[in-house]
Amino acid sequence: VSTSSGSVSHALSFGDADAAVIVAGKAALADAVSTRVGNIVKSGYRNSLEEAVRLALSVNGVKGCVIYSRDLLSFGGCIKPIMLKASSREILEKVMLEGSPHNVFFLV
């Protein structure tokens, strides 16, 4: 599993993804694909998220992905969403108080 971000990282990114998460059979592949798809996401453009998901899932060895940018979320493959009945603030507080957000936002 690898995540690339254009807003939360010190690394250079050419895209606007807050998080481009890739699940793959190999960590190096997940890293490369998360960087590639994160670079094509443009804030506020739903089509760029959909294009990024299609591109990620077209790569042999990628099992699933989640891409988040501002108020848009797109996912595919092995990722199964769960419904949350909470405000963004409540979710953030829960993550800050209880730890890692990976099980709060999606299940693999």
PDB file of N, CA and C in Angstrom:
ATOM      1  N   VAL A   1       0.859  -1.174   0.000  1.00  0.00           N
ATOM      2  CA  VAL A   1       0.000   0.000   0.000  1.00  0.00           C
ATOM      3  C   VAL A   1       0.896   1.225   0.000  1.00  0.00           C
ATOM      4  N   SER A   2       0.560   2.197  -0.852  1.00  0.00           N
ATOM      5  CA  SER A   2       1.325   3.438  -0.899  1.00  0.00           C
ATOM      6  C   SER A   2       0.364   4.604  -1.095  1.00  0.00           C
ATOM      7  N   THR A   3       0.741   5.762  -0.544  1.00  0.00           N
ATOM      8  CA  THR A   3      -0.046   6.981  -0.686  1.00  0.00           C
ATOM      9  C   THR A   3       0.843   8.100  -1.189  1.00  0.00           C
ATOM     10  N   SER A   4       0.319   8.856  -2.142  1.00  0.00           N
ATOM     11  CA  SER A   4       0.999  10.043  -2.634  1.00  0.00           C
ATOM     12  C   SER A   4       0.069  11.225  -2.399  1.00  0.00           C
ATOM     13  N   SER A   5       0.634  12.373  -2.080  1.00  0.00           N
ATOM     14  CA  SER A   5      -0.183  13.550  -1.813  1.00  0.00           C
ATOM     15  C   SER A   5       0.480  14.806  -2.363  1.00  0.00           C
ATOM     16  N   GLY A   6      -0.348  15.665  -2.938  1.00  0.00           N
ATOM     17  CA  GLY A   6       0.136  16.948  -3.410  1.00  0.00           C
ATOM     18  C   GLY A   6      -0.065  18.047  -2.391  1.00  0.00           C
ATOM     19  N   SER A   7      -0.742  17.734  -1.288  1.00  0.00           N
ATOM     20  CA  SER A   7      -1.052  18.772  -0.295  1.00  0.00           C
ATOM     21  C   SER A   7      -0.501  18.488   1.101  1.00  0.00           C
ATOM     22  N   VAL A   8      -0.102  17.255   1.385  1.00  0.00           N
ATOM     23  CA  VAL A   8       0.288  16.894   2.740  1.00  0.00           C
ATOM     24  C   VAL A   8       1.724  16.368   2.807  1.00  0.00           C
ATOM     25  N   SER A   9       2.511  16.623   1.818  1.00  0.00           N
ATOM     26  CA  SER A   9       3.843  16.037   1.781  1.00  0.00           C
ATOM     27  C   SER A   9       4.890  17.077   1.424  1.00  0.00           C
ATOM     28  N   HIS A  10       6.106  16.806   1.795  1.00  0.00           N
ATOM     29  CA  HIS A  10       7.228  17.660   1.419  1.00  0.00           C
ATOM     30  C   HIS A  10       7.753  17.310   0.028  1.00  0.00           C
ATOM     31  N   ALA A  11       7.344  16.166  -0.490  1.00  0.00           N
ATOM     32  CA  ALA A  11       7.822  15.717  -1.798  1.00  0.00           C
ATOM     33  C   ALA A  11       7.180  16.529  -2.925  1.00  0.00           C
ATOM     34  N   LEU A  12       7.890  16.670  -4.019  1.00  0.00           N
ATOM     35  CA  LEU A  12       7.382  17.392  -5.181  1.00  0.00           C
ATOM     36  C   LEU A  12       6.262  16.595  -5.824  1.00  0.00           C
ATOM     37  N   SER A  13       5.134  17.246  -6.075  1.00  0.00           N
ATOM     38  CA  SER A  13       4.011  16.618  -6.752  1.00  0.00           C
ATOM     39  C   SER A  13       3.466  17.586  -7.777  1.00  0.00           C
ATOM     40  N   PHE A  14       3.062  17.055  -8.921  1.00  0.00           N
ATOM     41  CA  PHE A  14       2.500  17.889  -9.984  1.00  0.00           C
ATOM     42  C   PHE A  14       0.980  17.843  -9.995  1.00  0.00           C
ATOM     43  N   GLY A  15       0.388  17.121  -9.056  1.00  0.00           N
ATOM     44  CA  GLY A  15      -1.062  16.995  -8.992  1.00  0.00           C
ATOM     45  C   GLY A  15      -1.622  17.604  -7.723  1.00  0.00           C
ATOM     46  N   ASP A  16      -2.945  17.565  -7.615  1.00  0.00           N
ATOM     47  CA  ASP A  16      -3.639  18.170  -6.483  1.00  0.00           C
ATOM     48  C   ASP A  16      -4.324  17.148  -5.588  1.00  0.00           C
ATOM     49  N   ALA A  17      -3.965  15.889  -5.693  1.00  0.00           N
ATOM     50  CA  ALA A  17      -4.600  14.872  -4.853  1.00  0.00           C
ATOM     51  C   ALA A  17      -4.200  15.085  -3.399  1.00  0.00           C
ATOM     52  N   ASP A  18      -5.195  15.090  -2.514  1.00  0.00           N
ATOM     53  CA  ASP A  18      -4.885  15.094  -1.087  1.00  0.00           C
ATOM     54  C   ASP A  18      -4.350  13.722  -0.689  1.00  0.00           C
ATOM     55  N   ALA A  19      -4.860  12.681  -1.341  1.00  0.00           N
ATOM     56  CA  ALA A  19      -4.356  11.329  -1.124  1.00  0.00           C
ATOM     57  C   ALA A  19      -4.680  10.462  -2.333  1.00  0.00           C
ATOM     58  N   ALA A  20      -3.659   9.836  -2.865  1.00  0.00           N
ATOM     59  CA  ALA A  20      -3.826   8.833  -3.917  1.00  0.00           C
ATOM     60  C   ALA A  20      -3.266   7.541  -3.336  1.00  0.00           C
ATOM     61  N   VAL A  21      -4.157   6.667  -2.914  1.00  0.00           N
ATOM     62  CA  VAL A  21      -3.781   5.440  -2.213  1.00  0.00           C
ATOM     63  C   VAL A  21      -3.906   4.265  -3.177  1.00  0.00           C
ATOM     64  N   ILE A  22      -2.841   3.487  -3.280  1.00  0.00           N
ATOM     65  CA  ILE A  22      -2.829   2.340  -4.175  1.00  0.00           C
ATOM     66  C   ILE A  22      -2.530   1.070  -3.387  1.00  0.00           C
ATOM     67  N   VAL A  23      -3.303   0.026  -3.651  1.00  0.00           N
ATOM     68  CA  VAL A  23      -3.075  -1.306  -3.084  1.00  0.00           C
ATOM     69  C   VAL A  23      -2.580  -2.178  -4.237  1.00  0.00           C
ATOM     70  N   ALA A  24      -1.399  -2.762  -4.071  1.00  0.00           N
ATOM     71  CA  ALA A  24      -0.816  -3.596  -5.124  1.00  0.00           C
ATOM     72  C   ALA A  24      -0.087  -4.780  -4.505  1.00  0.00           C
ATOM     73  N   GLY A  25       0.292  -5.712  -5.358  1.00  0.00           N
ATOM     74  CA  GLY A  25       1.010  -6.899  -4.897  1.00  0.00           C
ATOM     75  C   GLY A  25       2.417  -6.597  -4.426  1.00  0.00           C
ATOM     76  N   LYS A  26       2.998  -5.507  -4.907  1.00  0.00           N
ATOM     77  CA  LYS A  26       4.370  -5.122  -4.525  1.00  0.00           C
ATOM     78  C   LYS A  26       4.392  -3.662  -4.125  1.00  0.00           C
ATOM     79  N   ALA A  27       5.140  -3.357  -3.066  1.00  0.00           N
ATOM     80  CA  ALA A  27       5.206  -1.988  -2.540  1.00  0.00           C
ATOM     81  C   ALA A  27       5.769  -1.006  -3.565  1.00  0.00           C
ATOM     82  N   ALA A  28       6.790  -1.416  -4.308  1.00  0.00           N
ATOM     83  CA  ALA A  28       7.397  -0.523  -5.303  1.00  0.00           C
ATOM     84  C   ALA A  28       6.390  -0.155  -6.384  1.00  0.00           C
ATOM     85  N   LEU A  29       5.570  -1.116  -6.799  1.00  0.00           N
ATOM     86  CA  LEU A  29       4.535  -0.844  -7.792  1.00  0.00           C
ATOM     87  C   LEU A  29       3.498   0.121  -7.227  1.00  0.00           C
ATOM     88  N   ALA A  30       3.062  -0.120  -5.993  1.00  0.00           N
ATOM     89  CA  ALA A  30       2.084   0.775  -5.357  1.00  0.00           C
ATOM     90  C   ALA A  30       2.643   2.189  -5.272  1.00  0.00           C
ATOM     91  N   ASP A  31       3.921   2.329  -4.935  1.00  0.00           N
ATOM     92  CA  ASP A  31       4.554   3.642  -4.835  1.00  0.00           C
ATOM     93  C   ASP A  31       4.583   4.351  -6.188  1.00  0.00           C
ATOM     94  N   ALA A  32       5.006   3.647  -7.213  1.00  0.00           N
ATOM     95  CA  ALA A  32       5.089   4.245  -8.547  1.00  0.00           C
ATOM     96  C   ALA A  32       3.715   4.665  -9.058  1.00  0.00           C
ATOM     97  N   VAL A  33       2.724   3.818  -8.884  1.00  0.00           N
ATOM     98  CA  VAL A  33       1.387   4.127  -9.392  1.00  0.00           C
ATOM     99  C   VAL A  33       0.736   5.244  -8.581  1.00  0.00           C
ATOM    100  N   SER A  34       0.923   5.264  -7.265  1.00  0.00           N
ATOM    101  CA  SER A  34       0.327   6.342  -6.469  1.00  0.00           C
ATOM    102  C   SER A  34       0.913   7.692  -6.881  1.00  0.00           C
ATOM    103  N   THR A  35       2.199   7.730  -7.167  1.00  0.00           N
ATOM    104  CA  THR A  35       2.819   8.973  -7.634  1.00  0.00           C
ATOM    105  C   THR A  35       2.249   9.366  -8.989  1.00  0.00           C
ATOM    106  N   ARG A  36       2.177   8.419  -9.916  1.00  0.00           N
ATOM    107  CA  ARG A  36       1.686   8.706 -11.277  1.00  0.00           C
ATOM    108  C   ARG A  36       0.247   9.203 -11.263  1.00  0.00           C
ATOM    109  N   VAL A  37      -0.641   8.503 -10.579  1.00  0.00           N
ATOM    110  CA  VAL A  37      -2.049   8.916 -10.607  1.00  0.00           C
ATOM    111  C   VAL A  37      -2.272  10.182  -9.782  1.00  0.00           C
ATOM    112  N   GLY A  38      -1.513  10.350  -8.703  1.00  0.00           N
ATOM    113  CA  GLY A  38      -1.622  11.580  -7.925  1.00  0.00           C
ATOM    114  C   GLY A  38      -1.246  12.801  -8.738  1.00  0.00           C
ATOM    115  N   ASN A  39      -0.323  12.639  -9.666  1.00  0.00           N
ATOM    116  CA  ASN A  39       0.132  13.747 -10.499  1.00  0.00           C
ATOM    117  C   ASN A  39      -0.899  14.207 -11.533  1.00  0.00           C
ATOM    118  N   ILE A  40      -1.877  13.373 -11.862  1.00  0.00           N
ATOM    119  CA  ILE A  40      -2.848  13.797 -12.881  1.00  0.00           C
ATOM    120  C   ILE A  40      -4.137  14.353 -12.287  1.00  0.00           C
ATOM    121  N   VAL A  41      -4.274  14.302 -10.966  1.00  0.00           N
ATOM    122  CA  VAL A  41      -5.483  14.811 -10.314  1.00  0.00           C
ATOM    123  C   VAL A  41      -5.429  16.332 -10.222  1.00  0.00           C
ATOM    124  N   LYS A  42      -6.500  16.981 -10.660  1.00  0.00           N
ATOM    125  CA  LYS A  42      -6.625  18.440 -10.574  1.00  0.00           C
ATOM    126  C   LYS A  42      -7.805  18.774  -9.670  1.00  0.00           C
ATOM    127  N   SER A  43      -7.588  19.641  -8.688  1.00  0.00           N
ATOM    128  CA  SER A  43      -8.625  19.999  -7.707  1.00  0.00           C
ATOM    129  C   SER A  43      -9.907  20.449  -8.382  1.00  0.00           C
ATOM    130  N   GLY A  44     -11.011  19.898  -7.913  1.00  0.00           N
ATOM    131  CA  GLY A  44     -12.323  20.301  -8.383  1.00  0.00           C
ATOM    132  C   GLY A  44     -12.747  19.679  -9.701  1.00  0.00           C
ATOM    133  N   TYR A  45     -11.891  18.865 -10.312  1.00  0.00           N
ATOM    134  CA  TYR A  45     -12.230  18.251 -11.594  1.00  0.00           C
ATOM    135  C   TYR A  45     -12.501  16.770 -11.400  1.00  0.00           C
ATOM    136  N   ARG A  46     -13.778  16.451 -11.323  1.00  0.00           N
ATOM    137  CA  ARG A  46     -14.201  15.071 -11.094  1.00  0.00           C
ATOM    138  C   ARG A  46     -13.617  14.129 -12.144  1.00  0.00           C
ATOM    139  N   ASN A  47     -13.571  14.595 -13.389  1.00  0.00           N
ATOM    140  CA  ASN A  47     -13.054  13.743 -14.459  1.00  0.00           C
ATOM    141  C   ASN A  47     -11.617  13.318 -14.214  1.00  0.00           C
ATOM    142  N   SER A  48     -10.815  14.186 -13.594  1.00  0.00           N
ATOM    143  CA  SER A  48      -9.418  13.817 -13.357  1.00  0.00           C
ATOM    144  C   SER A  48      -9.312  12.695 -12.323  1.00  0.00           C
ATOM    145  N   LEU A  49     -10.216  12.663 -11.339  1.00  0.00           N
ATOM    146  CA  LEU A  49     -10.210  11.564 -10.370  1.00  0.00           C
ATOM    147  C   LEU A  49     -10.638  10.264 -11.036  1.00  0.00           C
ATOM    148  N   GLU A  50     -11.673  10.335 -11.861  1.00  0.00           N
ATOM    149  CA  GLU A  50     -12.143   9.136 -12.564  1.00  0.00           C
ATOM    150  C   GLU A  50     -11.063   8.600 -13.507  1.00  0.00           C
ATOM    151  N   GLU A  51     -10.382   9.509 -14.192  1.00  0.00           N
ATOM    152  CA  GLU A  51      -9.287   9.118 -15.085  1.00  0.00           C
ATOM    153  C   GLU A  51      -8.155   8.469 -14.292  1.00  0.00           C
ATOM    154  N   ALA A  52      -7.846   9.020 -13.126  1.00  0.00           N
ATOM    155  CA  ALA A  52      -6.782   8.482 -12.286  1.00  0.00           C
ATOM    156  C   ALA A  52      -7.114   7.068 -11.812  1.00  0.00           C
ATOM    157  N   VAL A  53      -8.362   6.832 -11.432  1.00  0.00           N
ATOM    158  CA  VAL A  53      -8.772   5.488 -11.002  1.00  0.00           C
ATOM    159  C   VAL A  53      -8.666   4.506 -12.164  1.00  0.00           C
ATOM    160  N   ARG A  54      -9.154   4.897 -13.334  1.00  0.00           N
ATOM    161  CA  ARG A  54      -9.068   4.011 -14.503  1.00  0.00           C
ATOM    162  C   ARG A  54      -7.610   3.677 -14.823  1.00  0.00           C
ATOM    163  N   LEU A  55      -6.745   4.696 -14.786  1.00  0.00           N
ATOM    164  CA  LEU A  55      -5.330   4.477 -15.065  1.00  0.00           C
ATOM    165  C   LEU A  55      -4.719   3.519 -14.043  1.00  0.00           C
ATOM    166  N   ALA A  56      -4.980   3.746 -12.768  1.00  0.00           N
ATOM    167  CA  ALA A  56      -4.419   2.889 -11.720  1.00  0.00           C
ATOM    168  C   ALA A  56      -4.844   1.438 -11.913  1.00  0.00           C
ATOM    169  N   LEU A  57      -6.124   1.219 -12.160  1.00  0.00           N
ATOM    170  CA  LEU A  57      -6.632  -0.149 -12.273  1.00  0.00           C
ATOM    171  C   LEU A  57      -6.202  -0.826 -13.570  1.00  0.00           C
ATOM    172  N   SER A  58      -5.711  -0.048 -14.546  1.00  0.00           N
ATOM    173  CA  SER A  58      -5.237  -0.638 -15.799  1.00  0.00           C
ATOM    174  C   SER A  58      -3.827  -1.215 -15.660  1.00  0.00           C
ATOM    175  N   VAL A  59      -3.146  -0.899 -14.563  1.00  0.00           N
ATOM    176  CA  VAL A  59      -1.772  -1.377 -14.354  1.00  0.00           C
ATOM    177  C   VAL A  59      -1.818  -2.787 -13.774  1.00  0.00           C
ATOM    178  N   ASN A  60      -1.130  -3.713 -14.448  1.00  0.00           N
ATOM    179  CA  ASN A  60      -1.077  -5.100 -13.992  1.00  0.00           C
ATOM    180  C   ASN A  60      -0.434  -5.164 -12.609  1.00  0.00           C
ATOM    181  N   GLY A  61      -1.115  -5.762 -11.649  1.00  0.00           N
ATOM    182  CA  GLY A  61      -0.601  -5.888 -10.284  1.00  0.00           C
ATOM    183  C   GLY A  61      -1.279  -4.957  -9.295  1.00  0.00           C
ATOM    184  N   VAL A  62      -1.998  -3.950  -9.796  1.00  0.00           N
ATOM    185  CA  VAL A  62      -2.738  -3.045  -8.904  1.00  0.00           C
ATOM    186  C   VAL A  62      -4.062  -3.709  -8.555  1.00  0.00           C
ATOM    187  N   LYS A  63      -4.352  -3.763  -7.262  1.00  0.00           N
ATOM    188  CA  LYS A  63      -5.572  -4.421  -6.788  1.00  0.00           C
ATOM    189  C   LYS A  63      -6.698  -3.439  -6.492  1.00  0.00           C
ATOM    190  N   GLY A  64      -6.345  -2.204  -6.103  1.00  0.00           N
ATOM    191  CA  GLY A  64      -7.381  -1.230  -5.776  1.00  0.00           C
ATOM    192  C   GLY A  64      -6.790   0.138  -5.530  1.00  0.00           C
ATOM    193  N   CYS A  65      -7.667   1.120  -5.487  1.00  0.00           N
ATOM    194  CA  CYS A  65      -7.192   2.483  -5.226  1.00  0.00           C
ATOM    195  C   CYS A  65      -8.298   3.346  -4.629  1.00  0.00           C
ATOM    196  N   VAL A  66      -7.855   4.371  -3.910  1.00  0.00           N
ATOM    197  CA  VAL A  66      -8.731   5.410  -3.377  1.00  0.00           C
ATOM    198  C   VAL A  66      -8.040   6.727  -3.683  1.00  0.00           C
ATOM    199  N   ILE A  67      -8.777   7.652  -4.292  1.00  0.00           N
ATOM    200  CA  ILE A  67      -8.204   8.960  -4.586  1.00  0.00           C
ATOM    201  C   ILE A  67      -9.130  10.021  -4.029  1.00  0.00           C
ATOM    202  N   TYR A  68      -8.545  10.926  -3.244  1.00  0.00           N
ATOM    203  CA  TYR A  68      -9.302  11.984  -2.582  1.00  0.00           C
ATOM    204  C   TYR A  68      -8.680  13.331  -2.932  1.00  0.00           C
ATOM    205  N   SER A  69      -9.526  14.286  -3.316  1.00  0.00           N
ATOM    206  CA  SER A  69      -9.065  15.640  -3.601  1.00  0.00           C
ATOM    207  C   SER A  69     -10.175  16.609  -3.218  1.00  0.00           C
ATOM    208  N   ARG A  70      -9.884  17.422  -2.223  1.00  0.00           N
ATOM    209  CA  ARG A  70     -10.863  18.360  -1.660  1.00  0.00           C
ATOM    210  C   ARG A  70     -12.117  17.614  -1.252  1.00  0.00           C
ATOM    211  N   ASP A  71     -13.234  17.871  -1.891  1.00  0.00           N
ATOM    212  CA  ASP A  71     -14.490  17.221  -1.499  1.00  0.00           C
ATOM    213  C   ASP A  71     -14.852  16.047  -2.395  1.00  0.00           C
ATOM    214  N   LEU A  72     -13.929  15.599  -3.237  1.00  0.00           N
ATOM    215  CA  LEU A  72     -14.207  14.511  -4.165  1.00  0.00           C
ATOM    216  C   LEU A  72     -13.460  13.252  -3.761  1.00  0.00           C
ATOM    217  N   LEU A  73     -14.130  12.113  -3.902  1.00  0.00           N
ATOM    218  CA  LEU A  73     -13.550  10.822  -3.565  1.00  0.00           C
ATOM    219  C   LEU A  73     -13.900   9.841  -4.670  1.00  0.00           C
ATOM    220  N   SER A  74     -12.914   9.107  -5.142  1.00  0.00           N
ATOM    221  CA  SER A  74     -13.150   8.087  -6.158  1.00  0.00           C
ATOM    222  C   SER A  74     -12.348   6.857  -5.770  1.00  0.00           C
ATOM    223  N   PHE A  75     -12.876   5.677  -6.058  1.00  0.00           N
ATOM    224  CA  PHE A  75     -12.188   4.453  -5.676  1.00  0.00           C
ATOM    225  C   PHE A  75     -12.567   3.338  -6.626  1.00  0.00           C
ATOM    226  N   GLY A  76     -11.793   2.276  -6.599  1.00  0.00           N
ATOM    227  CA  GLY A  76     -12.094   1.130  -7.449  1.00  0.00           C
ATOM    228  C   GLY A  76     -11.278  -0.073  -7.040  1.00  0.00           C
ATOM    229  N   GLY A  77     -11.563  -1.187  -7.686  1.00  0.00           N
ATOM    230  CA  GLY A  77     -10.852  -2.428  -7.398  1.00  0.00           C
ATOM    231  C   GLY A  77     -11.324  -3.066  -6.112  1.00  0.00           C
ATOM    232  N   CYS A  78     -10.385  -3.517  -5.299  1.00  0.00           N
ATOM    233  CA  CYS A  78     -10.702  -4.269  -4.083  1.00  0.00           C
ATOM    234  C   CYS A  78     -11.181  -3.394  -2.924  1.00  0.00           C
ATOM    235  N   ILE A  79     -11.222  -2.103  -3.098  1.00  0.00           N
ATOM    236  CA  ILE A  79     -11.617  -1.201  -2.019  1.00  0.00           C
ATOM    237  C   ILE A  79     -13.125  -1.256  -1.814  1.00  0.00           C
ATOM    238  N   LYS A  80     -13.528  -1.479  -0.566  1.00  0.00           N
ATOM    239  CA  LYS A  80     -14.947  -1.517  -0.229  1.00  0.00           C
ATOM    240  C   LYS A  80     -15.241  -0.365   0.727  1.00  0.00           C
ATOM    241  N   PRO A  81     -16.052   0.584   0.292  1.00  0.00           N
ATOM    242  CA  PRO A  81     -16.343   1.735   1.167  1.00  0.00           C
ATOM    243  C   PRO A  81     -17.263   1.361   2.313  1.00  0.00           C
ATOM    244  N   ILE A  82     -17.157   2.116   3.385  1.00  0.00           N
ATOM    245  CA  ILE A  82     -18.109   1.984   4.475  1.00  0.00           C
ATOM    246  C   ILE A  82     -18.782   3.339   4.646  1.00  0.00           C
ATOM    247  N   MET A  83     -19.990   3.348   5.108  1.00  0.00           N
ATOM    248  CA  MET A  83     -20.719   4.594   5.323  1.00  0.00           C
ATOM    249  C   MET A  83     -20.442   5.092   6.736  1.00  0.00           C
ATOM    250  N   LEU A  84     -20.187   6.367   6.836  1.00  0.00           N
ATOM    251  CA  LEU A  84     -19.932   6.981   8.129  1.00  0.00           C
ATOM    252  C   LEU A  84     -21.018   8.004   8.425  1.00  0.00           C
ATOM    253  N   LYS A  85     -21.534   7.972   9.624  1.00  0.00           N
ATOM    254  CA  LYS A  85     -22.501   8.983  10.048  1.00  0.00           C
ATOM    255  C   LYS A  85     -21.799   9.905  11.018  1.00  0.00           C
ATOM    256  N   ALA A  86     -20.985  10.784  10.470  1.00  0.00           N
ATOM    257  CA  ALA A  86     -20.225  11.718  11.305  1.00  0.00           C
ATOM    258  C   ALA A  86     -19.811  12.896  10.443  1.00  0.00           C
ATOM    259  N   SER A  87     -19.620  14.008  11.074  1.00  0.00           N
ATOM    260  CA  SER A  87     -19.133  15.183  10.355  1.00  0.00           C
ATOM    261  C   SER A  87     -17.633  15.036  10.140  1.00  0.00           C
ATOM    262  N   SER A  88     -17.093  15.832   9.231  1.00  0.00           N
ATOM    263  CA  SER A  88     -15.646  15.811   8.996  1.00  0.00           C
ATOM    264  C   SER A  88     -14.889  16.111  10.276  1.00  0.00           C
ATOM    265  N   ARG A  89     -15.411  17.033  11.077  1.00  0.00           N
ATOM    266  CA  ARG A  89     -14.756  17.388  12.336  1.00  0.00           C
ATOM    267  C   ARG A  89     -14.740  16.196  13.297  1.00  0.00           C
ATOM    268  N   GLU A  90     -15.867  15.481  13.387  1.00  0.00           N
ATOM    269  CA  GLU A  90     -15.928  14.317  14.273  1.00  0.00           C
ATOM    270  C   GLU A  90     -14.944  13.240  13.835  1.00  0.00           C
ATOM    271  N   ILE A  91     -14.830  13.028  12.524  1.00  0.00           N
ATOM    272  CA  ILE A  91     -13.899  12.031  12.005  1.00  0.00           C
ATOM    273  C   ILE A  91     -12.469  12.449  12.321  1.00  0.00           C
ATOM    274  N   LEU A  92     -12.142  13.708  12.094  1.00  0.00           N
ATOM    275  CA  LEU A  92     -10.798  14.205  12.379  1.00  0.00           C
ATOM    276  C   LEU A  92     -10.458  14.065  13.858  1.00  0.00           C
ATOM    277  N   GLU A  93     -11.389  14.428  14.728  1.00  0.00           N
ATOM    278  CA  GLU A  93     -11.142  14.297  16.162  1.00  0.00           C
ATOM    279  C   GLU A  93     -10.904  12.840  16.549  1.00  0.00           C
ATOM    280  N   LYS A  94     -11.697  11.933  15.979  1.00  0.00           N
ATOM    281  CA  LYS A  94     -11.544  10.503  16.275  1.00  0.00           C
ATOM    282  C   LYS A  94     -10.156  10.022  15.849  1.00  0.00           C
ATOM    283  N   VAL A  95      -9.729  10.418  14.662  1.00  0.00           N
ATOM    284  CA  VAL A  95      -8.425  10.011  14.157  1.00  0.00           C
ATOM    285  C   VAL A  95      -7.316  10.569  15.037  1.00  0.00           C
ATOM    286  N   MET A  96      -7.435  11.831  15.431  1.00  0.00           N
ATOM    287  CA  MET A  96      -6.403  12.459  16.242  1.00  0.00           C
ATOM    288  C   MET A  96      -6.320  11.819  17.627  1.00  0.00           C
ATOM    289  N   LEU A  97      -7.458  11.429  18.183  1.00  0.00           N
ATOM    290  CA  LEU A  97      -7.476  10.866  19.532  1.00  0.00           C
ATOM    291  C   LEU A  97      -7.189   9.369  19.570  1.00  0.00           C
ATOM    292  N   GLU A  98      -7.627   8.653  18.532  1.00  0.00           N
ATOM    293  CA  GLU A  98      -7.545   7.198  18.580  1.00  0.00           C
ATOM    294  C   GLU A  98      -6.505   6.581  17.664  1.00  0.00           C
ATOM    295  N   GLY A  99      -5.883   7.377  16.802  1.00  0.00           N
ATOM    296  CA  GLY A  99      -4.808   6.819  15.990  1.00  0.00           C
ATOM    297  C   GLY A  99      -5.097   6.756  14.514  1.00  0.00           C
ATOM    298  N   SER A 100      -4.507   5.787  13.883  1.00  0.00           N
ATOM    299  CA  SER A 100      -4.463   5.654  12.427  1.00  0.00           C
ATOM    300  C   SER A 100      -5.832   5.722  11.766  1.00  0.00           C
ATOM    301  N   PRO A 101      -5.940   6.487  10.668  1.00  0.00           N
ATOM    302  CA  PRO A 101      -7.225   6.640   9.985  1.00  0.00           C
ATOM    303  C   PRO A 101      -7.560   5.530   9.004  1.00  0.00           C
ATOM    304  N   HIS A 102      -6.657   4.568   8.755  1.00  0.00           N
ATOM    305  CA  HIS A 102      -6.910   3.627   7.669  1.00  0.00           C
ATOM    306  C   HIS A 102      -8.204   2.842   7.851  1.00  0.00           C
ATOM    307  N   ASN A 103      -8.577   2.500   9.062  1.00  0.00           N
ATOM    308  CA  ASN A 103      -9.806   1.737   9.261  1.00  0.00           C
ATOM    309  C   ASN A 103     -11.032   2.638   9.431  1.00  0.00           C
ATOM    310  N   VAL A 104     -10.829   3.937   9.470  1.00  0.00           N
ATOM    311  CA  VAL A 104     -11.949   4.865   9.588  1.00  0.00           C
ATOM    312  C   VAL A 104     -12.536   5.166   8.225  1.00  0.00           C
ATOM    313  N   PHE A 105     -11.696   5.256   7.205  1.00  0.00           N
ATOM    314  CA  PHE A 105     -12.140   5.724   5.903  1.00  0.00           C
ATOM    315  C   PHE A 105     -12.491   4.606   4.923  1.00  0.00           C
ATOM    316  N   PHE A 106     -11.807   3.485   4.965  1.00  0.00           N
ATOM    317  CA  PHE A 106     -12.126   2.400   4.052  1.00  0.00           C
ATOM    318  C   PHE A 106     -11.626   1.078   4.594  1.00  0.00           C
ATOM    319  N   LEU A 107     -12.175   0.038   4.072  1.00  0.00           N
ATOM    320  CA  LEU A 107     -11.736  -1.317   4.413  1.00  0.00           C
ATOM    321  C   LEU A 107     -11.187  -1.967   3.178  1.00  0.00           C
ATOM    322  N   VAL A 108     -10.078  -2.641   3.312  1.00  0.00           N
ATOM    323  CA  VAL A 108      -9.484  -3.356   2.162  1.00  0.00           C
ATOM    324  C   VAL A 108      -9.826  -4.813   2.283  1.00  0.00           C
TER     325      VAL A 108
END
